[in-house]
């Protein structure tokens, strides 16, 4: 499973970087912006076949969607693997696996329902996938901090990721429910937990790989 997690993170990173390179330009706050802006473009912006500046982005959108699909599928081995680091907490492991895999189903919907074509349904899918996913992460992190072999790198790394993710999720939901345009802060808070998530996945893969060997 460790190899599959590493493949997922690497594949997502390479595909997403290419999608960023191909993105013509435009953000929700500046349609004239040229190229991709890491701190100003949402991940889902990359999946738009027509960029926010009005230019075609067909090839880039395919790279972006492929990258998200690779990452989402990588959550399957991840949620199955992470409980191995807190084997003493069997019930927590079961909860993590069930909720984690449930969130994968929701994330597949997010991937195949880009905001460009599905609008509010995309946002609803994010919420539906986010609740079980964040809950699974919270249970896993609590168990890691109590049962992970020292040093508890995965536990503390996951805790940092979850803290930023919860704030970003709350802002996202408030904007969605209030039917108001988001702010650049939401984009920034999206990218920080994303980077920490990728690092968390790699750490879990490395630690479970050592246990298996």
C-alpha atoms as a PDB file:
ATOM      1  CA  UNK A   1       0.000   0.000   0.000  1.00  0.00           C
ATOM      2  CA  UNK A   2       2.901   2.337   0.685  1.00  0.00           C
ATOM      3  CA  UNK A   3       3.953   2.185  -2.959  1.00  0.00           C
ATOM      4  CA  UNK A   4       0.424   3.086  -4.089  1.00  0.00           C
ATOM      5  CA  UNK A   5       0.367   6.101  -1.754  1.00  0.00           C
ATOM      6  CA  UNK A   6       3.758   7.306  -3.019  1.00  0.00           C
ATOM      7  CA  UNK A   7       2.552   6.832  -6.611  1.00  0.00           C
ATOM      8  CA  UNK A   8      -0.599   8.822  -5.885  1.00  0.00           C
ATOM      9  CA  UNK A   9       1.223  11.788  -4.357  1.00  0.00           C
ATOM     10  CA  UNK A  10       3.873  11.845  -7.090  1.00  0.00           C
ATOM     11  CA  UNK A  11       1.339  11.435  -9.882  1.00  0.00           C
ATOM     12  CA  UNK A  12      -0.911  14.183  -8.534  1.00  0.00           C
ATOM     13  CA  UNK A  13       2.004  16.578  -8.087  1.00  0.00           C
ATOM     14  CA  UNK A  14       3.352  16.078 -11.615  1.00  0.00           C
ATOM     15  CA  UNK A  15      -0.057  16.246 -13.292  1.00  0.00           C
ATOM     16  CA  UNK A  16      -1.108  19.298 -11.306  1.00  0.00           C
ATOM     17  CA  UNK A  17       2.131  21.129 -12.037  1.00  0.00           C
ATOM     18  CA  UNK A  18       1.550  20.542 -15.735  1.00  0.00           C
ATOM     19  CA  UNK A  19      -2.040  21.767 -15.389  1.00  0.00           C
ATOM     20  CA  UNK A  20      -0.723  24.915 -13.685  1.00  0.00           C
ATOM     21  CA  UNK A  21       1.785  25.432 -16.491  1.00  0.00           C
ATOM     22  CA  UNK A  22      -0.937  25.124 -19.132  1.00  0.00           C
ATOM     23  CA  UNK A  23      -3.499  27.309 -17.343  1.00  0.00           C
ATOM     24  CA  UNK A  24      -3.980  30.458 -19.476  1.00  0.00           C
ATOM     25  CA  UNK A  25      -4.884  32.835 -16.660  1.00  0.00           C
ATOM     26  CA  UNK A  26      -7.565  34.569 -14.682  1.00  0.00           C
ATOM     27  CA  UNK A  27      -8.708  34.423 -11.084  1.00  0.00           C
ATOM     28  CA  UNK A  28     -12.048  35.107  -9.428  1.00  0.00           C
ATOM     29  CA  UNK A  29     -10.770  38.551  -8.449  1.00  0.00           C
ATOM     30  CA  UNK A  30      -8.714  39.443 -11.529  1.00  0.00           C
ATOM     31  CA  UNK A  31      -9.827  38.055 -14.888  1.00  0.00           C
ATOM     32  CA  UNK A  32      -6.804  39.699 -16.560  1.00  0.00           C
ATOM     33  CA  UNK A  33      -4.210  37.812 -14.499  1.00  0.00           C
ATOM     34  CA  UNK A  34      -1.772  35.923 -16.717  1.00  0.00           C
ATOM     35  CA  UNK A  35      -0.983  32.297 -16.075  1.00  0.00           C
ATOM     36  CA  UNK A  36      -1.689  30.342 -12.916  1.00  0.00           C
ATOM     37  CA  UNK A  37      -1.470  32.112  -9.556  1.00  0.00           C
ATOM     38  CA  UNK A  38      -0.701  29.565  -6.837  1.00  0.00           C
ATOM     39  CA  UNK A  39      -2.111  31.689  -4.013  1.00  0.00           C
ATOM     40  CA  UNK A  40      -5.060  33.072  -6.001  1.00  0.00           C
ATOM     41  CA  UNK A  41      -6.425  30.158  -8.060  1.00  0.00           C
ATOM     42  CA  UNK A  42      -8.510  27.379  -6.546  1.00  0.00           C
ATOM     43  CA  UNK A  43      -7.552  23.821  -7.453  1.00  0.00           C
ATOM     44  CA  UNK A  44     -10.889  23.426  -9.217  1.00  0.00           C
ATOM     45  CA  UNK A  45     -10.063  26.442 -11.444  1.00  0.00           C
ATOM     46  CA  UNK A  46      -7.552  24.207 -13.220  1.00  0.00           C
ATOM     47  CA  UNK A  47     -10.345  21.817 -14.248  1.00  0.00           C
ATOM     48  CA  UNK A  48     -12.219  24.510 -16.187  1.00  0.00           C
ATOM     49  CA  UNK A  49     -12.142  23.880 -19.954  1.00  0.00           C
ATOM     50  CA  UNK A  50     -12.405  27.634 -20.413  1.00  0.00           C
ATOM     51  CA  UNK A  51     -10.137  29.513 -18.013  1.00  0.00           C
ATOM     52  CA  UNK A  52     -11.361  32.449 -15.963  1.00  0.00           C
ATOM     53  CA  UNK A  53      -9.766  34.846 -18.457  1.00  0.00           C
ATOM     54  CA  UNK A  54     -11.967  33.393 -21.213  1.00  0.00           C
ATOM     55  CA  UNK A  55      -9.169  31.459 -22.944  1.00  0.00           C
ATOM     56  CA  UNK A  56      -9.513  27.725 -23.810  1.00  0.00           C
ATOM     57  CA  UNK A  57      -7.971  25.348 -21.282  1.00  0.00           C
ATOM     58  CA  UNK A  58      -9.052  21.959 -22.634  1.00  0.00           C
ATOM     59  CA  UNK A  59      -5.696  20.156 -22.343  1.00  0.00           C
ATOM     60  CA  UNK A  60      -4.838  21.694 -18.990  1.00  0.00           C
ATOM     61  CA  UNK A  61      -8.232  20.765 -17.571  1.00  0.00           C
ATOM     62  CA  UNK A  62      -7.623  17.134 -18.497  1.00  0.00           C
ATOM     63  CA  UNK A  63      -4.292  17.127 -16.673  1.00  0.00           C
ATOM     64  CA  UNK A  64      -5.961  18.709 -13.645  1.00  0.00           C
ATOM     65  CA  UNK A  65      -8.821  16.217 -13.572  1.00  0.00           C
ATOM     66  CA  UNK A  66      -6.426  13.300 -14.037  1.00  0.00           C
ATOM     67  CA  UNK A  67      -4.294  14.609 -11.174  1.00  0.00           C
ATOM     68  CA  UNK A  68      -7.275  14.885  -8.845  1.00  0.00           C
ATOM     69  CA  UNK A  69      -8.419  11.386  -9.789  1.00  0.00           C
ATOM     70  CA  UNK A  70      -4.968   9.951  -9.035  1.00  0.00           C
ATOM     71  CA  UNK A  71      -4.932  11.709  -5.652  1.00  0.00           C
ATOM     72  CA  UNK A  72      -8.462  10.634  -4.733  1.00  0.00           C
ATOM     73  CA  UNK A  73      -7.757   7.002  -5.625  1.00  0.00           C
ATOM     74  CA  UNK A  74      -4.620   7.245  -3.508  1.00  0.00           C
ATOM     75  CA  UNK A  75      -6.805   7.891  -0.468  1.00  0.00           C
ATOM     76  CA  UNK A  76      -8.047   4.292  -0.663  1.00  0.00           C
ATOM     77  CA  UNK A  77      -4.682   2.714   0.308  1.00  0.00           C
ATOM     78  CA  UNK A  78      -3.998   5.669   2.612  1.00  0.00           C
ATOM     79  CA  UNK A  79      -7.119   5.201   4.761  1.00  0.00           C
ATOM     80  CA  UNK A  80      -6.526   1.453   4.844  1.00  0.00           C
ATOM     81  CA  UNK A  81      -2.882   1.901   5.835  1.00  0.00           C
ATOM     82  CA  UNK A  82      -2.907   4.665   8.447  1.00  0.00           C
ATOM     83  CA  UNK A  83      -4.593   2.553  11.203  1.00  0.00           C
ATOM     84  CA  UNK A  84      -1.549   0.270  11.136  1.00  0.00           C
ATOM     85  CA  UNK A  85       0.311   2.999  13.006  1.00  0.00           C
ATOM     86  CA  UNK A  86      -2.112   2.778  15.951  1.00  0.00           C
ATOM     87  CA  UNK A  87      -2.940  -0.925  15.945  1.00  0.00           C
ATOM     88  CA  UNK A  88      -3.765  -0.838  19.677  1.00  0.00           C
ATOM     89  CA  UNK A  89      -6.847   1.277  18.920  1.00  0.00           C
ATOM     90  CA  UNK A  90      -8.811  -1.200  16.820  1.00  0.00           C
ATOM     91  CA  UNK A  91     -12.156   0.633  17.018  1.00  0.00           C
ATOM     92  CA  UNK A  92     -10.578   3.894  15.944  1.00  0.00           C
ATOM     93  CA  UNK A  93      -9.006   2.075  13.020  1.00  0.00           C
ATOM     94  CA  UNK A  94     -12.388   0.759  11.902  1.00  0.00           C
ATOM     95  CA  UNK A  95     -13.950   4.234  12.110  1.00  0.00           C
ATOM     96  CA  UNK A  96     -11.082   5.729  10.116  1.00  0.00           C
ATOM     97  CA  UNK A  97     -11.326   3.111   7.385  1.00  0.00           C
ATOM     98  CA  UNK A  98     -15.124   3.358   7.032  1.00  0.00           C
ATOM     99  CA  UNK A  99     -15.347   7.173   7.084  1.00  0.00           C
ATOM    100  CA  UNK A 100     -12.213   7.566   4.987  1.00  0.00           C
ATOM    101  CA  UNK A 101     -13.480   5.291   2.233  1.00  0.00           C
ATOM    102  CA  UNK A 102     -16.884   6.989   2.394  1.00  0.00           C
ATOM    103  CA  UNK A 103     -15.190  10.334   1.784  1.00  0.00           C
ATOM    104  CA  UNK A 104     -13.453   8.866  -1.280  1.00  0.00           C
ATOM    105  CA  UNK A 105     -16.862   8.284  -2.881  1.00  0.00           C
ATOM    106  CA  UNK A 106     -17.728  11.939  -2.285  1.00  0.00           C
ATOM    107  CA  UNK A 107     -14.371  13.107  -3.646  1.00  0.00           C
ATOM    108  CA  UNK A 108     -14.933  11.136  -6.842  1.00  0.00           C
ATOM    109  CA  UNK A 109     -18.142  13.134  -7.262  1.00  0.00           C
ATOM    110  CA  UNK A 110     -16.171  16.358  -6.697  1.00  0.00           C
ATOM    111  CA  UNK A 111     -13.651  15.307  -9.364  1.00  0.00           C
ATOM    112  CA  UNK A 112     -16.244  14.439 -11.983  1.00  0.00           C
ATOM    113  CA  UNK A 113     -18.500  17.423 -11.224  1.00  0.00           C
ATOM    114  CA  UNK A 114     -16.299  20.496 -11.890  1.00  0.00           C
ATOM    115  CA  UNK A 115     -17.666  23.814 -10.704  1.00  0.00           C
ATOM    116  CA  UNK A 116     -17.567  25.144 -14.277  1.00  0.00           C
ATOM    117  CA  UNK A 117     -20.442  22.844 -15.300  1.00  0.00           C
ATOM    118  CA  UNK A 118     -22.121  21.870 -12.041  1.00  0.00           C
ATOM    119  CA  UNK A 119     -21.924  25.092 -10.030  1.00  0.00           C
ATOM    120  CA  UNK A 120     -23.477  24.713  -6.585  1.00  0.00           C
ATOM    121  CA  UNK A 121     -23.598  20.914  -6.917  1.00  0.00           C
ATOM    122  CA  UNK A 122     -19.802  20.935  -6.960  1.00  0.00           C
ATOM    123  CA  UNK A 123     -19.770  22.869  -3.699  1.00  0.00           C
ATOM    124  CA  UNK A 124     -22.337  20.507  -2.176  1.00  0.00           C
ATOM    125  CA  UNK A 125     -20.172  17.532  -3.180  1.00  0.00           C
ATOM    126  CA  UNK A 126     -17.176  19.159  -1.477  1.00  0.00           C
ATOM    127  CA  UNK A 127     -19.177  19.433   1.754  1.00  0.00           C
ATOM    128  CA  UNK A 128     -20.529  15.864   1.509  1.00  0.00           C
ATOM    129  CA  UNK A 129     -17.011  14.507   0.989  1.00  0.00           C
ATOM    130  CA  UNK A 130     -15.415  16.864   3.498  1.00  0.00           C
ATOM    131  CA  UNK A 131     -17.435  15.904   6.574  1.00  0.00           C
ATOM    132  CA  UNK A 132     -16.522  12.184   6.688  1.00  0.00           C
ATOM    133  CA  UNK A 133     -13.010  12.918   5.405  1.00  0.00           C
ATOM    134  CA  UNK A 134     -12.222  15.492   8.090  1.00  0.00           C
ATOM    135  CA  UNK A 135     -13.824  13.291  10.756  1.00  0.00           C
ATOM    136  CA  UNK A 136     -11.717  10.322   9.657  1.00  0.00           C
ATOM    137  CA  UNK A 137      -8.626  12.526   9.773  1.00  0.00           C
ATOM    138  CA  UNK A 138      -9.512  13.776  13.267  1.00  0.00           C
ATOM    139  CA  UNK A 139      -9.993  10.261  14.640  1.00  0.00           C
ATOM    140  CA  UNK A 140      -6.787   9.061  12.950  1.00  0.00           C
ATOM    141  CA  UNK A 141      -4.764  11.981  14.302  1.00  0.00           C
ATOM    142  CA  UNK A 142      -6.051  11.517  17.849  1.00  0.00           C
ATOM    143  CA  UNK A 143      -5.132   7.830  17.672  1.00  0.00           C
ATOM    144  CA  UNK A 144      -1.747   8.605  16.115  1.00  0.00           C
ATOM    145  CA  UNK A 145      -0.876  11.042  18.891  1.00  0.00           C
ATOM    146  CA  UNK A 146      -1.719   8.325  21.408  1.00  0.00           C
ATOM    147  CA  UNK A 147      -0.479   5.190  19.691  1.00  0.00           C
ATOM    148  CA  UNK A 148       1.930   5.975  16.849  1.00  0.00           C
ATOM    149  CA  UNK A 149       5.485   4.664  17.396  1.00  0.00           C
ATOM    150  CA  UNK A 150       7.780   7.524  18.373  1.00  0.00           C
ATOM    151  CA  UNK A 151       8.653   9.972  16.996  1.00  0.00           C
ATOM    152  CA  UNK A 152       4.992  10.759  16.315  1.00  0.00           C
ATOM    153  CA  UNK A 153       5.726  12.651  13.112  1.00  0.00           C
ATOM    154  CA  UNK A 154       2.565  11.529  11.316  1.00  0.00           C
ATOM    155  CA  UNK A 155       0.391  12.559  14.253  1.00  0.00           C
ATOM    156  CA  UNK A 156       1.730  16.089  14.593  1.00  0.00           C
ATOM    157  CA  UNK A 157       1.947  16.632  10.838  1.00  0.00           C
ATOM    158  CA  UNK A 158      -1.657  15.508  10.478  1.00  0.00           C
ATOM    159  CA  UNK A 159      -2.724  17.777  13.346  1.00  0.00           C
ATOM    160  CA  UNK A 160      -1.236  20.791  11.585  1.00  0.00           C
ATOM    161  CA  UNK A 161      -2.957  19.836   8.348  1.00  0.00           C
ATOM    162  CA  UNK A 162      -6.316  19.325  10.055  1.00  0.00           C
ATOM    163  CA  UNK A 163      -6.170  22.673  11.851  1.00  0.00           C
ATOM    164  CA  UNK A 164      -5.766  24.634   8.600  1.00  0.00           C
ATOM    165  CA  UNK A 165      -8.246  22.385   6.765  1.00  0.00           C
ATOM    166  CA  UNK A 166     -10.993  22.962   9.333  1.00  0.00           C
ATOM    167  CA  UNK A 167     -10.637  26.737   9.125  1.00  0.00           C
ATOM    168  CA  UNK A 168     -10.667  26.627   5.320  1.00  0.00           C
ATOM    169  CA  UNK A 169     -13.650  24.247   5.286  1.00  0.00           C
ATOM    170  CA  UNK A 170     -15.614  26.511   7.636  1.00  0.00           C
ATOM    171  CA  UNK A 171     -14.947  29.542   5.422  1.00  0.00           C
ATOM    172  CA  UNK A 172     -15.857  27.580   2.300  1.00  0.00           C
ATOM    173  CA  UNK A 173     -19.165  26.396   3.778  1.00  0.00           C
ATOM    174  CA  UNK A 174     -20.046  29.874   5.074  1.00  0.00           C
ATOM    175  CA  UNK A 175     -19.508  31.370   1.624  1.00  0.00           C
ATOM    176  CA  UNK A 176     -21.443  28.543  -0.022  1.00  0.00           C
ATOM    177  CA  UNK A 177     -24.415  28.844   2.331  1.00  0.00           C
ATOM    178  CA  UNK A 178     -24.375  32.643   2.245  1.00  0.00           C
ATOM    179  CA  UNK A 179     -24.157  32.686  -1.579  1.00  0.00           C
ATOM    180  CA  UNK A 180     -21.301  35.160  -1.370  1.00  0.00           C
ATOM    181  CA  UNK A 181     -18.071  35.249  -3.328  1.00  0.00           C
ATOM    182  CA  UNK A 182     -15.096  33.774  -1.518  1.00  0.00           C
ATOM    183  CA  UNK A 183     -11.950  35.705  -0.661  1.00  0.00           C
ATOM    184  CA  UNK A 184      -8.298  35.093  -1.588  1.00  0.00           C
ATOM    185  CA  UNK A 185      -7.866  33.925   2.019  1.00  0.00           C
ATOM    186  CA  UNK A 186      -9.890  30.797   1.215  1.00  0.00           C
ATOM    187  CA  UNK A 187      -7.492  29.983  -1.649  1.00  0.00           C
ATOM    188  CA  UNK A 188      -4.448  30.450   0.566  1.00  0.00           C
ATOM    189  CA  UNK A 189      -5.967  28.270   3.262  1.00  0.00           C
ATOM    190  CA  UNK A 190      -6.715  25.643   0.609  1.00  0.00           C
ATOM    191  CA  UNK A 191      -3.075  25.400  -0.449  1.00  0.00           C
ATOM    192  CA  UNK A 192      -1.515  25.169   3.033  1.00  0.00           C
ATOM    193  CA  UNK A 193      -3.447  22.060   4.151  1.00  0.00           C
ATOM    194  CA  UNK A 194      -2.983  20.565   0.668  1.00  0.00           C
ATOM    195  CA  UNK A 195       0.808  20.698   0.997  1.00  0.00           C
ATOM    196  CA  UNK A 196       0.585  19.356   4.555  1.00  0.00           C
ATOM    197  CA  UNK A 197      -1.791  16.605   3.377  1.00  0.00           C
ATOM    198  CA  UNK A 198       0.677  15.432   0.746  1.00  0.00           C
ATOM    199  CA  UNK A 199       3.455  15.438   3.349  1.00  0.00           C
ATOM    200  CA  UNK A 200       1.193  13.525   5.766  1.00  0.00           C
ATOM    201  CA  UNK A 201       0.438  10.888   3.139  1.00  0.00           C
ATOM    202  CA  UNK A 202       4.122  10.437   2.327  1.00  0.00           C
ATOM    203  CA  UNK A 203       5.001  10.187   6.032  1.00  0.00           C
ATOM    204  CA  UNK A 204       2.313   7.575   6.677  1.00  0.00           C
ATOM    205  CA  UNK A 205       3.443   5.614   3.613  1.00  0.00           C
ATOM    206  CA  UNK A 206       7.062   5.673   4.792  1.00  0.00           C
ATOM    207  CA  UNK A 207       6.235   4.659   8.372  1.00  0.00           C
ATOM    208  CA  UNK A 208       3.833   1.867   7.416  1.00  0.00           C
ATOM    209  CA  UNK A 209       6.346   0.659   4.857  1.00  0.00           C
ATOM    210  CA  UNK A 210       8.968   0.318   7.579  1.00  0.00           C
ATOM    211  CA  UNK A 211       6.509  -1.596   9.771  1.00  0.00           C
ATOM    212  CA  UNK A 212       5.738  -3.976   6.922  1.00  0.00           C
ATOM    213  CA  UNK A 213       9.425  -4.644   6.311  1.00  0.00           C
END
